[in-house]
Amino acid sequence: MTNGLFEQLLRQPENEMLDFKSSQYRFIRATDFEKSELLKDVLAFSNAARQADAYVLIGVEEVKGNRGIVRGVNDQLNDSDLQQFVCSKTNRPPVFSYSAFEIGGLSCGVIRISSQKRPIFLLKDFGKLKANAVYLRRGSSTDEANPDEIAQMNAAELDSDKPLLEIIVEPRIVPHINHKCLELPMWINNRGKATADDVVVVIYKKPVAGGFSVGSQTCSQTTTGHPGTALKLNGPLHPGDHPFLCSTDLGQVEGSFVATFEPVEFGVKILARNQAAVDVCLTFTKTELFAGKPKTATRR
C-alpha cells in the first residue's frame, strides 16, 4: 500500500473491489457471531469477479459522492491470527493479507484480497454464516451467490492459470539541485498464476520529447514491428513479480509549465509469448499528475 493508492481508494465509491469500515472488526475476545462479520467480508471479496486486488479500508468513514474520511483505529489485528482463523474454516485458503497503514498521523487497517480461484466457502456453520453457502460481493453489498454465478466461477477457474499483466503508473515530482521535475515512473506486474515469457512492452504516443530512461536490471531497449519505444524484459515475469519498467521526464515544474500543461495521453502495448497482446491507453489530467494519482491498466 502506498499513499498514492490509499488516496485513490478514498475517492472511489464502495464496490466489488472496495469497502470502508469506520471501526475495527470485533475479533479479540469476540463471539463467533461477531467474528463472522470479518469472515463474511473476506469470503465475499474472494468470490467477486475481478482481475485486480480488492481492499477493505478500516478506520475510514464512507461519504457518498465524496472522499472518504480517515478516522483511524485504536487497535490493529494480527495477520497470522487472521490467516489461521479464516483458512481453518474454508474449502481452500483465501489469498488475503492484513496490514496497518498510517496516513495523516492516523493508523488504519488494510485488508487486501487477491484475485484467486473460486468459489471459496465454509465447511461448517460459523456464527451467522452457513456451511457450503457461497458469499459474494455485488456492488457495495454482500449476498449469497445463485447457481448460475457459482457455475461461472467454476468455468473461470478452468481458465485461471495464466499470466495476468498490468502496467502501474504513479506520477511523482522529483527534486533536483536547482529545480523540480515531473516524472511518470512505470512498473509492470504479473498478477496471474503462470509465468509470462518473452515480455516486450511498447510505449507509444510519447507525451514529450525527453525520452525514456530504462532500468538496465529489468529490461533493455529492443526493436519490434510496432512504432514506439520497445522495452524487452531481461527475464521471464513470474507470478507476483513487480519490477520497475521505465520512466519519462515531463519537464521542470515551474510557473509557465504548470499553467500551459495539457493532459498526457500515451499507449502501452504488452506482448508476451504465452498471452494475447494487451493494448491500452492511459490519460492523465493536469490535476491527476500534480496530485500524484496512480493509474493501473490490466488486461488478461
Protein backbone atom coordinates (compact mmCIF):
# COMPACT_ATOMS: atom_id res chain seq x y z
CA MET A 1 0.00 0.00 0.00
CA THR A 2 1.27 3.47 -0.92
CA ASN A 3 -0.01 6.93 -0.03
CA GLY A 4 -0.99 7.45 -3.64
CA LEU A 5 -3.02 4.24 -3.84
CA PHE A 6 -4.67 4.86 -0.47
CA GLU A 7 -5.69 8.35 -1.58
CA GLN A 8 -7.02 6.95 -4.85
CA LEU A 9 -9.17 4.42 -2.96
CA LEU A 10 -10.54 7.12 -0.64
CA ARG A 11 -12.02 8.87 -3.67
CA GLN A 12 -13.80 5.80 -5.03
CA PRO A 13 -17.28 4.56 -4.09
CA GLU A 14 -17.75 1.22 -2.40
CA ASN A 15 -17.97 -1.59 -4.95
CA GLU A 16 -16.97 -5.21 -5.54
CA MET A 17 -13.32 -4.19 -5.05
CA LEU A 18 -13.59 -1.75 -2.15
CA ASP A 19 -15.26 -1.41 1.25
CA PHE A 20 -14.90 1.12 4.06
CA LYS A 21 -15.17 0.25 7.75
CA SER A 22 -15.34 3.19 10.15
CA SER A 23 -14.34 0.98 13.11
CA GLN A 24 -12.17 -2.10 13.64
CA TYR A 25 -13.65 -5.60 13.31
CA ARG A 26 -14.53 -7.32 16.59
CA PHE A 27 -12.05 -10.19 16.76
CA ILE A 28 -10.08 -10.36 20.00
CA ARG A 29 -12.31 -11.76 22.78
CA ALA A 30 -15.24 -11.59 20.35
CA THR A 31 -18.10 -14.04 19.91
CA ASP A 32 -18.40 -16.31 16.87
CA PHE A 33 -21.24 -14.10 15.63
CA GLU A 34 -19.01 -11.01 15.81
CA LYS A 35 -16.03 -12.75 14.19
CA SER A 36 -18.19 -13.96 11.34
CA GLU A 37 -18.52 -10.39 10.05
CA LEU A 38 -14.83 -10.29 9.10
CA LEU A 39 -15.03 -13.83 7.75
CA LYS A 40 -18.01 -12.93 5.55
CA ASP A 41 -16.21 -9.95 4.02
CA VAL A 42 -13.09 -11.97 3.19
CA LEU A 43 -15.22 -14.68 1.55
CA ALA A 44 -17.40 -12.20 -0.36
CA PHE A 45 -14.48 -10.29 -1.86
CA SER A 46 -12.60 -13.53 -2.61
CA ASN A 47 -15.60 -14.75 -4.63
CA ALA A 48 -16.17 -11.48 -6.52
CA ALA A 49 -15.38 -11.49 -10.25
CA ARG A 50 -12.43 -9.14 -10.75
CA GLN A 51 -8.87 -9.05 -12.08
CA ALA A 52 -7.25 -6.71 -9.54
CA ASP A 53 -6.90 -6.63 -5.76
CA ALA A 54 -9.85 -5.77 -3.53
CA TYR A 55 -9.40 -3.69 -0.39
CA VAL A 56 -11.19 -3.18 2.91
CA LEU A 57 -10.03 0.09 4.49
CA ILE A 58 -10.61 0.00 8.24
CA GLY A 59 -10.85 3.30 10.08
CA VAL A 60 -12.35 5.10 7.09
CA GLU A 61 -15.87 6.51 7.00
CA GLU A 62 -17.68 6.41 3.68
CA VAL A 63 -19.04 9.71 2.33
CA LYS A 64 -21.49 9.24 -0.55
CA GLY A 65 -20.25 11.08 -3.63
CA ASN A 66 -17.16 12.43 -1.89
CA ARG A 67 -13.77 11.45 -0.50
CA GLY A 68 -13.85 9.01 2.43
CA ILE A 69 -12.95 10.45 5.82
CA VAL A 70 -9.99 8.88 7.63
CA ARG A 71 -10.92 8.30 11.29
CA GLY A 72 -8.24 5.78 12.24
CA VAL A 73 -8.48 2.88 14.68
CA ASN A 74 -7.12 2.41 18.18
CA ASP A 75 -6.04 -1.20 17.76
CA GLN A 76 -4.65 -3.39 14.99
CA LEU A 77 -5.24 -7.06 14.22
CA ASN A 78 -2.51 -9.64 13.68
CA ASP A 79 -2.23 -11.03 10.15
CA SER A 80 -1.10 -14.51 11.24
CA ASP A 81 -4.05 -14.81 13.65
CA LEU A 82 -6.48 -13.86 10.86
CA GLN A 83 -4.85 -16.30 8.42
CA GLN A 84 -5.21 -19.18 10.87
CA PHE A 85 -8.78 -18.20 11.74
CA VAL A 86 -10.04 -17.89 8.15
CA CYS A 87 -8.08 -20.64 6.44
CA SER A 88 -9.03 -23.27 9.02
CA LYS A 89 -12.69 -22.90 8.09
CA THR A 90 -12.73 -22.84 4.28
CA ASN A 91 -12.54 -25.37 1.45
CA ARG A 92 -9.33 -23.69 0.23
CA PRO A 93 -7.22 -20.96 1.84
CA PRO A 94 -8.26 -17.50 0.62
CA VAL A 95 -5.39 -15.30 -0.57
CA PHE A 96 -5.54 -12.18 1.57
CA SER A 97 -3.45 -10.13 3.99
CA TYR A 98 -3.91 -7.65 6.82
CA SER A 99 -1.57 -4.74 7.45
CA ALA A 100 -1.51 -1.47 9.37
CA PHE A 101 -1.16 1.76 7.39
CA GLU A 102 -0.54 5.25 8.71
CA ILE A 103 -1.77 8.34 6.88
CA GLY A 104 -2.07 11.87 8.17
CA GLY A 105 -0.93 10.76 11.61
CA LEU A 106 -3.78 8.24 11.90
CA SER A 107 -3.43 4.45 11.94
CA CYS A 108 -5.75 2.45 9.69
CA GLY A 109 -6.11 -1.22 8.87
CA VAL A 110 -5.96 -2.58 5.32
CA ILE A 111 -7.25 -5.97 4.21
CA ARG A 112 -6.05 -6.82 0.70
CA ILE A 113 -7.79 -9.70 -1.09
CA SER A 114 -6.16 -11.00 -4.26
CA SER A 115 -7.94 -12.24 -7.34
CA GLN A 116 -7.99 -16.02 -6.95
CA LYS A 117 -9.64 -19.34 -7.66
CA ARG A 118 -13.32 -19.51 -6.75
CA PRO A 119 -15.66 -20.48 -5.16
CA ILE A 120 -14.49 -20.37 -1.54
CA PHE A 121 -16.94 -21.40 1.16
CA LEU A 122 -17.20 -22.62 4.76
CA LEU A 123 -17.02 -26.31 5.57
CA LYS A 124 -19.10 -25.85 8.76
CA ASP A 125 -21.58 -23.27 10.04
CA PHE A 126 -19.91 -20.42 11.90
CA GLY A 127 -21.63 -17.51 13.61
CA LYS A 128 -24.22 -16.12 11.20
CA LEU A 129 -22.66 -17.88 8.18
CA LYS A 130 -23.81 -21.17 6.68
CA ALA A 131 -21.71 -24.10 5.53
CA ASN A 132 -21.43 -24.56 1.75
CA ALA A 133 -23.02 -21.17 1.05
CA VAL A 134 -21.02 -19.06 -1.43
CA TYR A 135 -20.99 -15.45 -0.26
CA LEU A 136 -20.41 -12.91 -3.00
CA ARG A 137 -19.77 -9.18 -3.19
CA ARG A 138 -22.22 -7.47 -5.57
CA GLY A 139 -21.51 -3.77 -5.90
CA SER A 140 -21.49 -2.40 -2.36
CA SER A 141 -23.46 -5.26 -0.77
CA THR A 142 -22.91 -8.93 0.09
CA ASP A 143 -25.28 -11.76 -0.79
CA GLU A 144 -25.32 -15.49 -1.47
CA ALA A 145 -24.35 -16.47 -5.00
CA ASN A 146 -27.01 -18.13 -7.13
CA PRO A 147 -26.36 -21.39 -9.07
CA ASP A 148 -25.56 -19.55 -12.32
CA GLU A 149 -22.96 -17.39 -10.57
CA ILE A 150 -21.34 -20.45 -8.96
CA ALA A 151 -21.22 -22.19 -12.36
CA GLN A 152 -19.46 -19.15 -13.84
CA MET A 153 -16.88 -19.29 -11.03
CA ASN A 154 -16.13 -22.92 -11.80
CA ALA A 155 -15.80 -22.16 -15.52
CA ALA A 156 -13.48 -19.23 -14.82
CA GLU A 157 -11.30 -21.45 -12.61
CA LEU A 158 -10.51 -23.65 -15.61
CA ASP A 159 -9.03 -20.59 -17.35
CA SER A 160 -7.30 -19.02 -14.33
CA ASP A 161 -3.77 -20.41 -14.61
CA LYS A 162 -2.44 -17.75 -16.98
CA PRO A 163 -0.27 -14.66 -16.75
CA LEU A 164 -2.19 -11.51 -15.88
CA LEU A 165 -0.09 -8.47 -16.74
CA GLU A 166 -0.69 -4.88 -15.70
CA ILE A 167 1.08 -1.56 -16.03
CA ILE A 168 1.14 0.72 -12.97
CA VAL A 169 1.93 4.41 -13.49
CA GLU A 170 2.34 6.74 -10.50
CA PRO A 171 3.31 10.38 -11.24
CA ARG A 172 5.80 11.99 -8.90
CA ILE A 173 7.65 15.27 -8.53
CA VAL A 174 11.39 14.65 -8.24
CA PRO A 175 13.69 17.31 -6.72
CA HIS A 176 16.94 18.12 -8.49
CA ILE A 177 19.69 20.55 -7.46
CA ASN A 178 18.09 23.76 -8.72
CA HIS A 179 14.63 22.67 -9.85
CA LYS A 180 11.93 20.02 -9.66
CA CYS A 181 10.78 17.73 -12.46
CA LEU A 182 7.52 15.89 -13.06
CA GLU A 183 8.12 12.25 -13.93
CA LEU A 184 5.96 9.27 -14.90
CA PRO A 185 7.56 6.09 -13.48
CA MET A 186 6.06 2.78 -14.61
CA TRP A 187 6.07 -0.74 -13.20
CA ILE A 188 4.95 -3.98 -14.80
CA ASN A 189 3.23 -6.57 -12.62
CA ASN A 190 2.20 -10.20 -13.14
CA ARG A 191 -0.92 -10.85 -11.09
CA GLY A 192 -1.58 -14.16 -12.80
CA LYS A 193 -0.70 -17.67 -11.67
CA ALA A 194 1.66 -18.52 -14.54
CA THR A 195 4.97 -17.12 -15.72
CA ALA A 196 4.94 -14.74 -18.70
CA ASP A 197 7.81 -15.37 -21.15
CA ASP A 198 9.45 -13.09 -23.74
CA VAL A 199 7.71 -9.96 -22.46
CA VAL A 200 8.06 -6.81 -24.55
CA VAL A 201 6.40 -3.51 -23.62
CA VAL A 202 5.92 -0.90 -26.35
CA ILE A 203 5.20 2.69 -25.25
CA TYR A 204 3.89 4.98 -27.95
CA LYS A 205 2.22 8.42 -28.27
CA LYS A 206 5.18 9.69 -26.24
CA PRO A 207 3.97 12.77 -24.28
CA VAL A 208 7.21 14.77 -24.51
CA ALA A 209 10.45 14.74 -26.44
CA GLY A 210 12.56 14.00 -23.38
CA GLY A 211 12.63 10.25 -23.98
CA PHE A 212 12.53 7.28 -21.62
CA SER A 213 15.19 6.23 -19.14
CA VAL A 214 15.42 2.45 -18.89
CA GLY A 215 16.44 0.39 -15.84
CA SER A 216 19.09 -1.97 -17.20
CA GLN A 217 18.49 -4.55 -14.46
CA THR A 218 14.90 -5.08 -15.60
CA CYS A 219 14.73 -4.54 -19.34
CA SER A 220 16.61 -3.38 -22.41
CA GLN A 221 15.62 -1.42 -25.48
CA THR A 222 14.79 -3.52 -28.48
CA THR A 223 13.05 -3.21 -31.84
CA THR A 224 9.71 -4.61 -32.95
CA GLY A 225 7.33 -4.06 -35.82
CA HIS A 226 5.38 -1.59 -33.68
CA PRO A 227 6.11 2.15 -33.59
CA GLY A 228 7.24 3.48 -30.22
CA THR A 229 9.84 2.73 -27.56
CA ALA A 230 10.11 -1.05 -27.13
CA LEU A 231 11.43 -2.46 -23.85
CA LYS A 232 12.24 -6.16 -23.58
CA LEU A 233 12.35 -7.70 -20.12
CA ASN A 234 15.68 -9.38 -19.45
CA GLY A 235 13.98 -12.46 -17.99
CA PRO A 236 10.58 -14.10 -17.54
CA LEU A 237 7.95 -12.40 -15.39
CA HIS A 238 7.00 -14.83 -12.63
CA PRO A 239 3.73 -14.66 -10.63
CA GLY A 240 3.99 -11.80 -8.13
CA ASP A 241 6.96 -10.15 -9.87
CA HIS A 242 6.65 -6.35 -9.84
CA PRO A 243 9.78 -4.83 -11.42
CA PHE A 244 10.37 -1.20 -12.33
CA LEU A 245 9.97 -0.73 -16.07
CA CYS A 246 10.95 2.82 -17.04
CA SER A 247 10.17 6.49 -16.51
CA THR A 248 9.71 9.56 -18.67
CA ASP A 249 10.54 13.14 -17.69
CA LEU A 250 7.66 15.51 -18.48
CA GLY A 251 9.60 18.68 -17.74
CA GLN A 252 10.53 21.11 -14.99
CA VAL A 253 7.82 22.15 -12.56
CA GLU A 254 7.64 25.93 -12.80
CA GLY A 255 5.02 28.61 -13.34
CA SER A 256 4.73 28.64 -17.12
CA PHE A 257 4.96 24.86 -17.35
CA VAL A 258 2.14 24.34 -14.86
CA ALA A 259 -0.08 26.98 -16.47
CA THR A 260 0.20 25.64 -20.02
CA PHE A 261 0.29 21.93 -19.21
CA GLU A 262 -2.06 19.75 -21.26
CA PRO A 263 -3.39 16.26 -20.45
CA VAL A 264 -0.90 13.46 -21.12
CA GLU A 265 -2.12 10.55 -23.21
CA PHE A 266 0.00 7.58 -24.23
CA GLY A 267 -0.49 4.00 -25.28
CA VAL A 268 1.02 0.83 -23.85
CA LYS A 269 1.19 -2.46 -25.72
CA ILE A 270 2.29 -5.58 -23.81
CA LEU A 271 3.48 -8.54 -25.87
CA ALA A 272 4.27 -11.96 -24.41
CA ARG A 273 4.79 -15.35 -25.97
CA ASN A 274 2.03 -17.06 -23.99
CA GLN A 275 -0.76 -14.47 -23.90
CA ALA A 276 -2.72 -12.29 -26.29
CA ALA A 277 -1.38 -8.78 -26.85
CA VAL A 278 -2.50 -6.13 -24.39
CA ASP A 279 -3.12 -2.68 -25.88
CA VAL A 280 -4.35 0.09 -23.57
CA CYS A 281 -4.36 3.87 -23.45
CA LEU A 282 -3.76 5.89 -20.29
CA THR A 283 -4.68 9.56 -19.91
CA PHE A 284 -3.60 11.84 -17.06
CA THR A 285 -5.11 15.26 -16.50
CA LYS A 286 -3.02 18.08 -15.03
CA THR A 287 -4.78 17.66 -11.67
CA GLU A 288 -4.05 13.92 -11.56
CA LEU A 289 -0.41 14.43 -12.48
CA PHE A 290 0.35 17.03 -9.85
CA ALA A 291 -1.65 15.13 -7.22
CA GLY A 292 0.44 12.01 -7.89
CA LYS A 293 -2.66 9.97 -8.66
CA PRO A 294 -1.65 6.45 -9.81
CA LYS A 295 -3.37 4.56 -12.60
CA THR A 296 -3.37 0.88 -13.45
CA ALA A 297 -4.18 -0.78 -16.75
CA THR A 298 -4.87 -4.52 -16.52
CA ARG A 299 -5.77 -6.96 -19.21
CA ARG A 300 -5.63 -10.78 -19.37
